[in-house]
N, C-alpha and C. Protein backbone atom coordinates (compact mmCIF):
# COMPACT_ATOMS: atom_id res chain seq x y z
N MET A 1 0.84 -1.20 -0.06
CA MET A 1 0.11 -0.08 0.18
C MET A 1 0.95 1.23 0.02
N ILE A 2 0.35 2.19 -0.69
CA ILE A 2 1.28 3.43 -0.75
C ILE A 2 0.27 4.53 0.02
N GLN A 3 0.80 5.68 0.76
CA GLN A 3 -0.07 6.75 1.26
C GLN A 3 0.83 8.09 1.03
N ILE A 4 0.32 9.06 0.55
CA ILE A 4 1.03 9.91 0.43
C ILE A 4 0.49 11.22 1.33
N ILE A 5 1.26 12.02 1.81
CA ILE A 5 0.83 13.28 2.57
C ILE A 5 1.51 14.47 1.70
N ALA A 6 0.70 15.17 0.91
CA ALA A 6 1.06 16.11 0.13
C ALA A 6 0.79 17.56 0.60
N GLY A 7 1.40 18.55 0.16
CA GLY A 7 1.09 19.80 0.59
C GLY A 7 2.33 20.58 0.08
N ASN A 8 2.07 21.97 0.23
CA ASN A 8 3.37 22.89 -0.07
C ASN A 8 3.96 23.04 1.10
N LYS A 9 5.51 23.69 0.76
CA LYS A 9 6.40 23.66 1.74
C LYS A 9 5.82 24.53 3.03
N GLY A 10 6.29 24.06 3.99
CA GLY A 10 5.76 24.78 5.32
C GLY A 10 4.21 24.34 5.53
N SER A 11 3.74 23.44 5.12
CA SER A 11 2.40 22.96 5.51
C SER A 11 2.30 21.92 6.50
N GLY A 12 3.37 21.54 7.13
CA GLY A 12 3.40 20.40 8.27
C GLY A 12 3.42 18.98 7.83
N LYS A 13 3.77 18.86 6.87
CA LYS A 13 3.94 17.49 6.21
C LYS A 13 4.76 16.79 7.12
N THR A 14 6.18 17.04 7.51
CA THR A 14 7.05 16.41 7.92
C THR A 14 6.62 16.08 9.54
N LYS A 15 5.94 16.97 9.94
CA LYS A 15 5.43 16.88 11.38
C LYS A 15 4.44 15.74 11.52
N ARG A 16 3.58 15.78 10.38
CA ARG A 16 2.55 14.85 10.49
C ARG A 16 3.29 13.34 10.35
N LEU A 17 4.19 13.23 9.33
CA LEU A 17 4.93 12.14 9.00
C LEU A 17 5.69 11.46 10.24
N ILE A 18 6.06 12.43 11.01
CA ILE A 18 6.83 12.02 12.19
C ILE A 18 5.97 11.69 13.41
N ASN A 19 4.96 12.05 13.38
CA ASN A 19 3.75 11.77 14.22
C ASN A 19 3.32 10.45 14.09
N MET A 20 2.92 10.14 12.67
CA MET A 20 2.26 8.89 12.26
C MET A 20 3.37 7.65 12.45
N THR A 21 4.76 8.10 12.21
CA THR A 21 5.94 7.17 12.35
C THR A 21 5.69 6.72 14.11
N ASN A 22 5.75 7.57 14.85
CA ASN A 22 5.91 7.33 16.29
C ASN A 22 4.71 6.81 16.76
N ASP A 23 3.33 6.92 16.30
CA ASP A 23 2.31 6.31 16.53
C ASP A 23 2.19 4.87 16.10
N VAL A 24 2.77 4.71 14.65
CA VAL A 24 2.76 3.21 14.33
C VAL A 24 3.86 2.52 14.96
N ALA A 25 4.83 3.03 15.29
CA ALA A 25 6.02 2.37 16.20
C ALA A 25 5.41 1.63 17.40
N LYS A 26 4.54 2.49 18.09
CA LYS A 26 4.14 2.19 19.37
C LYS A 26 2.95 0.99 19.16
N THR A 27 2.52 0.75 18.20
CA THR A 27 1.30 -0.05 18.08
C THR A 27 1.54 -1.34 16.99
N SER A 28 2.55 -1.12 16.34
CA SER A 28 2.83 -2.30 15.25
C SER A 28 3.85 -3.59 15.59
N SER A 29 3.41 -4.67 15.38
CA SER A 29 4.34 -5.77 15.59
C SER A 29 5.52 -6.02 14.71
N SER A 30 5.55 -5.14 13.61
CA SER A 30 6.49 -5.40 12.71
C SER A 30 7.36 -4.23 12.94
N ASN A 31 8.37 -4.20 12.12
CA ASN A 31 9.53 -3.30 12.03
C ASN A 31 9.33 -1.83 11.18
N VAL A 32 9.41 -0.75 11.66
CA VAL A 32 9.05 0.47 11.02
C VAL A 32 10.23 1.20 10.82
N VAL A 33 10.64 1.66 9.55
CA VAL A 33 11.65 2.42 9.02
C VAL A 33 11.32 3.77 8.64
N PHE A 34 12.29 4.55 8.90
CA PHE A 34 11.82 6.07 8.58
C PHE A 34 13.20 6.50 7.52
N LEU A 35 12.95 6.99 6.15
CA LEU A 35 14.12 7.24 5.48
C LEU A 35 13.82 8.76 5.25
N ASP A 36 15.07 9.64 5.17
CA ASP A 36 15.14 11.10 5.34
C ASP A 36 16.40 11.12 4.42
N LYS A 37 16.67 12.64 4.03
CA LYS A 37 17.59 13.11 3.24
C LYS A 37 18.63 13.47 3.98
N ASN A 38 18.51 13.61 5.44
CA ASN A 38 19.57 14.02 6.41
C ASN A 38 19.42 13.48 7.66
N ASN A 39 19.92 14.15 8.72
CA ASN A 39 19.65 13.18 10.10
C ASN A 39 19.05 14.43 10.96
N ASP A 40 18.45 15.26 10.27
CA ASP A 40 17.82 16.46 11.09
C ASP A 40 16.58 16.09 11.99
N TYR A 41 15.89 14.92 11.74
CA TYR A 41 14.82 14.56 12.65
C TYR A 41 14.98 13.08 13.40
N MET A 42 16.28 12.68 13.36
CA MET A 42 16.80 11.36 14.06
C MET A 42 16.31 11.47 15.37
N TYR A 43 16.43 12.53 16.16
CA TYR A 43 15.97 12.39 17.52
C TYR A 43 14.42 12.81 17.87
N GLU A 44 13.91 13.16 17.05
CA GLU A 44 12.29 13.13 17.02
C GLU A 44 11.60 11.89 16.63
N ILE A 45 12.16 10.84 16.16
CA ILE A 45 11.80 9.55 15.97
C ILE A 45 11.76 8.45 16.99
N ASP A 46 10.67 7.86 17.61
CA ASP A 46 10.99 6.90 18.41
C ASP A 46 12.18 5.87 18.19
N ARG A 47 12.68 5.53 19.18
CA ARG A 47 14.11 5.06 19.28
C ARG A 47 13.97 3.38 18.70
N THR A 48 12.59 2.86 18.61
CA THR A 48 12.43 1.33 18.06
C THR A 48 12.45 1.56 16.52
N VAL A 49 12.31 2.78 15.99
CA VAL A 49 12.02 2.74 14.54
C VAL A 49 13.69 3.00 13.95
N ARG A 50 13.82 2.38 12.64
CA ARG A 50 15.09 2.19 12.30
C ARG A 50 15.21 3.50 11.20
N PHE A 51 16.02 4.53 11.58
CA PHE A 51 16.12 5.80 10.88
C PHE A 51 17.30 5.64 10.00
N VAL A 52 17.15 5.89 8.80
CA VAL A 52 18.24 5.83 7.78
C VAL A 52 18.44 7.18 6.81
N ASN A 53 19.43 7.74 6.85
CA ASN A 53 19.72 8.86 6.11
C ASN A 53 20.36 8.36 4.75
N VAL A 54 19.32 8.51 3.62
CA VAL A 54 19.55 7.80 2.53
C VAL A 54 20.82 8.25 1.54
N LYS A 55 20.99 9.79 2.13
CA LYS A 55 22.38 10.36 1.41
C LYS A 55 23.58 9.40 1.91
N ASP A 56 23.59 8.94 3.01
CA ASP A 56 24.80 8.14 3.43
C ASP A 56 24.94 6.85 2.20
N TYR A 57 24.06 6.50 1.69
CA TYR A 57 24.40 5.52 0.80
C TYR A 57 24.24 5.67 -0.85
N ASN A 58 24.35 7.19 -1.09
CA ASN A 58 24.53 7.77 -2.45
C ASN A 58 23.74 7.31 -3.27
N VAL A 59 22.31 7.33 -2.99
CA VAL A 59 21.23 7.02 -3.92
C VAL A 59 20.82 8.15 -4.47
N GLN A 60 20.92 8.24 -5.97
CA GLN A 60 20.75 9.47 -6.74
C GLN A 60 19.64 9.47 -7.54
N THR A 61 19.05 8.23 -7.70
CA THR A 61 17.84 8.23 -8.98
C THR A 61 16.62 7.32 -8.38
N GLY A 62 15.74 7.38 -8.87
CA GLY A 62 14.42 6.37 -8.71
C GLY A 62 14.93 5.25 -8.87
N ASP A 63 15.55 4.58 -9.83
CA ASP A 63 15.95 3.09 -9.98
C ASP A 63 16.78 2.84 -8.88
N MET A 64 17.78 3.74 -8.48
CA MET A 64 18.55 3.27 -7.28
C MET A 64 17.78 3.39 -6.06
N PHE A 65 16.97 4.19 -5.94
CA PHE A 65 15.85 4.18 -4.57
C PHE A 65 15.29 2.72 -4.74
N LEU A 66 14.56 2.57 -5.79
CA LEU A 66 14.01 1.17 -5.65
C LEU A 66 14.95 -0.01 -5.49
N GLY A 67 16.09 0.05 -5.92
CA GLY A 67 17.03 -1.18 -5.43
C GLY A 67 17.46 -1.18 -4.08
N PHE A 68 17.51 -0.01 -3.53
CA PHE A 68 17.78 0.28 -2.07
C PHE A 68 16.88 -0.30 -1.25
N LEU A 69 15.27 0.28 -1.71
CA LEU A 69 14.20 -0.43 -1.02
C LEU A 69 14.30 -1.92 -0.98
N GLY A 70 14.67 -2.51 -2.22
CA GLY A 70 14.68 -4.01 -2.40
C GLY A 70 15.58 -4.59 -1.61
N GLY A 71 16.64 -3.95 -1.31
CA GLY A 71 17.84 -4.42 -0.32
C GLY A 71 17.25 -4.56 0.93
N MET A 72 16.64 -3.26 1.44
CA MET A 72 16.23 -3.46 2.50
C MET A 72 15.06 -4.59 2.91
N LEU A 73 14.17 -4.78 2.00
CA LEU A 73 13.06 -5.68 2.31
C LEU A 73 13.69 -7.08 2.16
N ALA A 74 14.67 -7.44 1.23
CA ALA A 74 15.31 -8.77 1.37
C ALA A 74 15.80 -8.87 2.39
N SER A 75 16.74 -8.16 3.12
CA SER A 75 17.47 -8.31 4.29
C SER A 75 16.85 -8.19 5.63
N ASN A 76 15.42 -7.64 5.54
CA ASN A 76 14.46 -7.78 6.90
C ASN A 76 13.04 -7.97 6.59
N TYR A 77 12.74 -9.42 6.59
CA TYR A 77 11.17 -9.70 6.25
C TYR A 77 10.27 -9.12 7.26
N ASP A 78 10.67 -8.61 8.11
CA ASP A 78 9.89 -8.19 9.48
C ASP A 78 9.42 -6.66 9.07
N ILE A 79 9.80 -6.09 7.95
CA ILE A 79 9.45 -4.58 7.88
C ILE A 79 7.86 -4.56 7.57
N GLY A 80 7.09 -3.62 8.08
CA GLY A 80 5.66 -3.55 7.86
C GLY A 80 5.45 -2.11 7.24
N THR A 81 6.20 -1.24 7.80
CA THR A 81 5.95 0.17 7.33
C THR A 81 7.17 0.85 7.12
N ILE A 82 7.34 1.82 5.89
CA ILE A 82 8.64 2.51 5.87
C ILE A 82 7.92 3.95 5.17
N PHE A 83 8.32 5.06 6.29
CA PHE A 83 8.00 6.10 6.04
C PHE A 83 8.96 6.86 5.37
N ILE A 84 8.87 7.79 4.29
CA ILE A 84 9.97 8.37 3.48
C ILE A 84 9.44 9.72 3.41
N ASP A 85 10.58 10.85 4.26
CA ASP A 85 10.44 12.19 3.99
C ASP A 85 10.92 12.78 2.84
N ALA A 86 10.35 13.85 2.46
CA ALA A 86 11.02 14.76 1.40
C ALA A 86 11.36 13.58 0.10
N PHE A 87 10.36 13.04 -0.13
CA PHE A 87 10.39 11.93 -1.20
C PHE A 87 10.90 12.47 -2.48
N LEU A 88 10.33 13.42 -3.17
CA LEU A 88 10.90 14.08 -4.40
C LEU A 88 12.42 14.41 -4.25
N LYS A 89 12.76 14.98 -3.13
CA LYS A 89 14.04 15.34 -3.38
C LYS A 89 15.11 13.80 -3.30
N LEU A 90 14.54 12.81 -2.70
CA LEU A 90 15.46 11.59 -2.56
C LEU A 90 15.45 11.07 -3.97
N ILE A 91 14.47 10.94 -4.64
CA ILE A 91 14.67 10.48 -5.92
C ILE A 91 14.84 11.08 -7.04
N LYS A 92 14.90 12.34 -6.77
CA LYS A 92 15.36 13.42 -8.00
C LYS A 92 14.63 13.14 -9.22
N MET A 93 13.18 13.12 -9.22
CA MET A 93 12.53 12.60 -10.62
C MET A 93 11.29 13.96 -10.37
N ASP A 94 11.05 14.34 -11.54
CA ASP A 94 9.84 14.95 -11.86
C ASP A 94 8.44 14.28 -11.66
N ILE A 95 7.42 14.90 -10.87
CA ILE A 95 6.32 14.14 -10.59
C ILE A 95 5.51 13.46 -11.77
N ALA A 96 5.57 14.18 -12.81
CA ALA A 96 5.03 13.59 -13.94
C ALA A 96 5.47 12.36 -14.36
N GLU A 97 6.90 11.82 -14.33
CA GLU A 97 7.65 10.93 -14.68
C GLU A 97 7.73 9.85 -13.77
N ALA A 98 6.89 9.90 -12.63
CA ALA A 98 7.04 9.06 -11.67
C ALA A 98 6.08 7.78 -11.78
N GLU A 99 5.28 7.98 -12.69
CA GLU A 99 4.25 6.57 -12.68
C GLU A 99 4.82 5.44 -12.72
N GLY A 100 5.82 5.02 -13.49
CA GLY A 100 6.49 3.74 -13.41
C GLY A 100 7.13 3.40 -12.16
N PHE A 101 7.47 4.54 -11.47
CA PHE A 101 8.16 4.31 -10.06
C PHE A 101 7.15 3.92 -8.88
N PHE A 102 5.79 4.50 -9.31
CA PHE A 102 4.92 4.23 -8.35
C PHE A 102 4.12 3.05 -8.64
N ALA A 103 4.38 2.43 -9.79
CA ALA A 103 3.80 0.98 -10.13
C ALA A 103 4.76 -0.04 -9.49
N ASN A 104 5.97 0.42 -9.29
CA ASN A 104 7.02 -0.71 -8.95
C ASN A 104 6.92 -0.54 -7.33
N LEU A 105 6.71 0.69 -6.97
CA LEU A 105 6.55 0.81 -5.40
C LEU A 105 5.12 0.01 -4.90
N LYS A 106 4.41 0.34 -5.66
CA LYS A 106 3.04 -0.68 -5.38
C LYS A 106 3.20 -2.09 -5.34
N ALA A 107 3.96 -2.42 -6.30
CA ALA A 107 4.33 -4.22 -6.36
C ALA A 107 5.06 -4.31 -5.32
N TYR A 108 6.02 -3.71 -4.89
CA TYR A 108 7.10 -3.91 -3.42
C TYR A 108 6.05 -4.13 -2.50
N GLY A 109 5.11 -3.17 -2.22
CA GLY A 109 4.16 -3.04 -1.12
C GLY A 109 3.27 -4.51 -1.05
N GLU A 110 2.58 -4.87 -2.41
CA GLU A 110 1.99 -5.86 -2.47
C GLU A 110 2.63 -7.42 -1.91
N LYS A 111 3.91 -7.49 -2.70
CA LYS A 111 4.65 -8.60 -2.58
C LYS A 111 5.06 -8.92 -1.28
N HIS A 112 5.61 -7.79 -0.61
CA HIS A 112 6.11 -7.88 0.70
C HIS A 112 5.16 -7.31 2.09
N ASN A 113 4.05 -7.28 1.87
CA ASN A 113 2.96 -6.92 2.78
C ASN A 113 3.45 -5.67 3.55
N VAL A 114 3.96 -4.47 2.67
CA VAL A 114 4.48 -3.23 3.31
C VAL A 114 3.85 -1.96 3.09
N THR A 115 3.78 -1.10 4.01
CA THR A 115 2.93 0.32 3.45
C THR A 115 4.20 1.12 3.41
N PHE A 116 4.00 2.04 2.44
CA PHE A 116 4.86 3.13 1.99
C PHE A 116 3.98 4.42 2.48
N VAL A 117 4.49 5.21 3.24
CA VAL A 117 4.11 6.64 3.74
C VAL A 117 5.02 7.65 3.31
N LEU A 118 4.56 8.27 2.12
CA LEU A 118 5.68 9.35 1.53
C LEU A 118 5.03 10.76 1.96
N SER A 119 5.96 11.64 2.23
CA SER A 119 5.75 13.13 1.86
C SER A 119 6.06 13.56 0.69
N VAL A 120 5.39 14.64 0.15
CA VAL A 120 5.45 14.91 -1.18
C VAL A 120 5.31 16.56 -1.25
N SER A 121 6.29 17.11 -1.39
CA SER A 121 6.13 18.77 -1.38
C SER A 121 5.55 19.26 -2.48
N ALA A 122 4.10 19.27 -2.66
CA ALA A 122 3.49 19.71 -3.85
C ALA A 122 2.18 19.87 -3.49
N ASP A 123 1.29 20.78 -4.21
CA ASP A 123 0.04 21.05 -4.12
C ASP A 123 -0.71 19.82 -4.40
N PRO A 124 -1.65 19.15 -3.18
CA PRO A 124 -2.26 17.95 -3.68
C PRO A 124 -3.16 18.10 -5.04
N GLU A 125 -3.71 19.23 -5.52
CA GLU A 125 -4.47 19.26 -6.53
C GLU A 125 -3.56 19.19 -7.91
N ALA A 126 -2.45 19.72 -7.52
CA ALA A 126 -1.51 19.62 -8.80
C ALA A 126 -0.91 18.29 -9.14
N LEU A 127 -1.13 17.25 -8.31
CA LEU A 127 -0.48 15.87 -8.50
C LEU A 127 -1.18 15.18 -9.64
N PRO A 128 -0.32 14.66 -10.30
CA PRO A 128 -0.95 13.74 -11.34
C PRO A 128 -1.95 12.69 -10.90
N ALA A 129 -2.74 12.28 -11.75
CA ALA A 129 -4.00 11.30 -11.43
C ALA A 129 -3.44 10.09 -10.73
N PHE A 130 -2.34 9.50 -11.24
CA PHE A 130 -1.70 8.26 -10.58
C PHE A 130 -1.47 8.35 -8.98
N MET A 131 -1.05 9.68 -8.78
CA MET A 131 -0.76 9.70 -7.31
C MET A 131 -1.88 10.20 -6.50
N LYS A 132 -3.18 10.78 -7.03
CA LYS A 132 -4.13 11.36 -6.29
C LYS A 132 -4.89 10.13 -5.45
N GLU A 133 -4.78 8.91 -5.96
CA GLU A 133 -5.37 7.87 -5.20
C GLU A 133 -4.77 7.55 -3.98
N TYR A 134 -3.55 8.01 -3.58
CA TYR A 134 -2.93 7.57 -2.63
C TYR A 134 -2.78 8.84 -1.49
N ILE A 135 -3.25 9.88 -1.77
CA ILE A 135 -3.30 10.93 -0.91
C ILE A 135 -4.02 10.72 0.54
N ILE A 136 -3.69 11.11 1.44
CA ILE A 136 -4.34 10.81 2.81
C ILE A 136 -4.60 12.24 3.48
């Protein structure tokens, strides 16, 4: 499953994502992962959550990011939710070109029973149709 928290810069997306992460960490029996572009929010995330600074792994494209996620899922079958902050900055991809990426992400979620929750810095109304179904 994919869920998207969309909004313009400064609209509280990251705070909402952090709150959701901490809430899921308290109630989930599976592992929770938080992916970000830096370490700014590391100490706001519950200590039971695996915090990963994606920049430490030189992930630079959408394909590299999918490979990175695949490696995480292959090495840990107990991951149930992956929260991804600043999603578009991590994959460095234009929203309009991300449909194939989302198809692959959805397939990962279905195959491995993982929920992906992404923050996307964009006006929810301006998102392409293939992304609108995931907005929460």
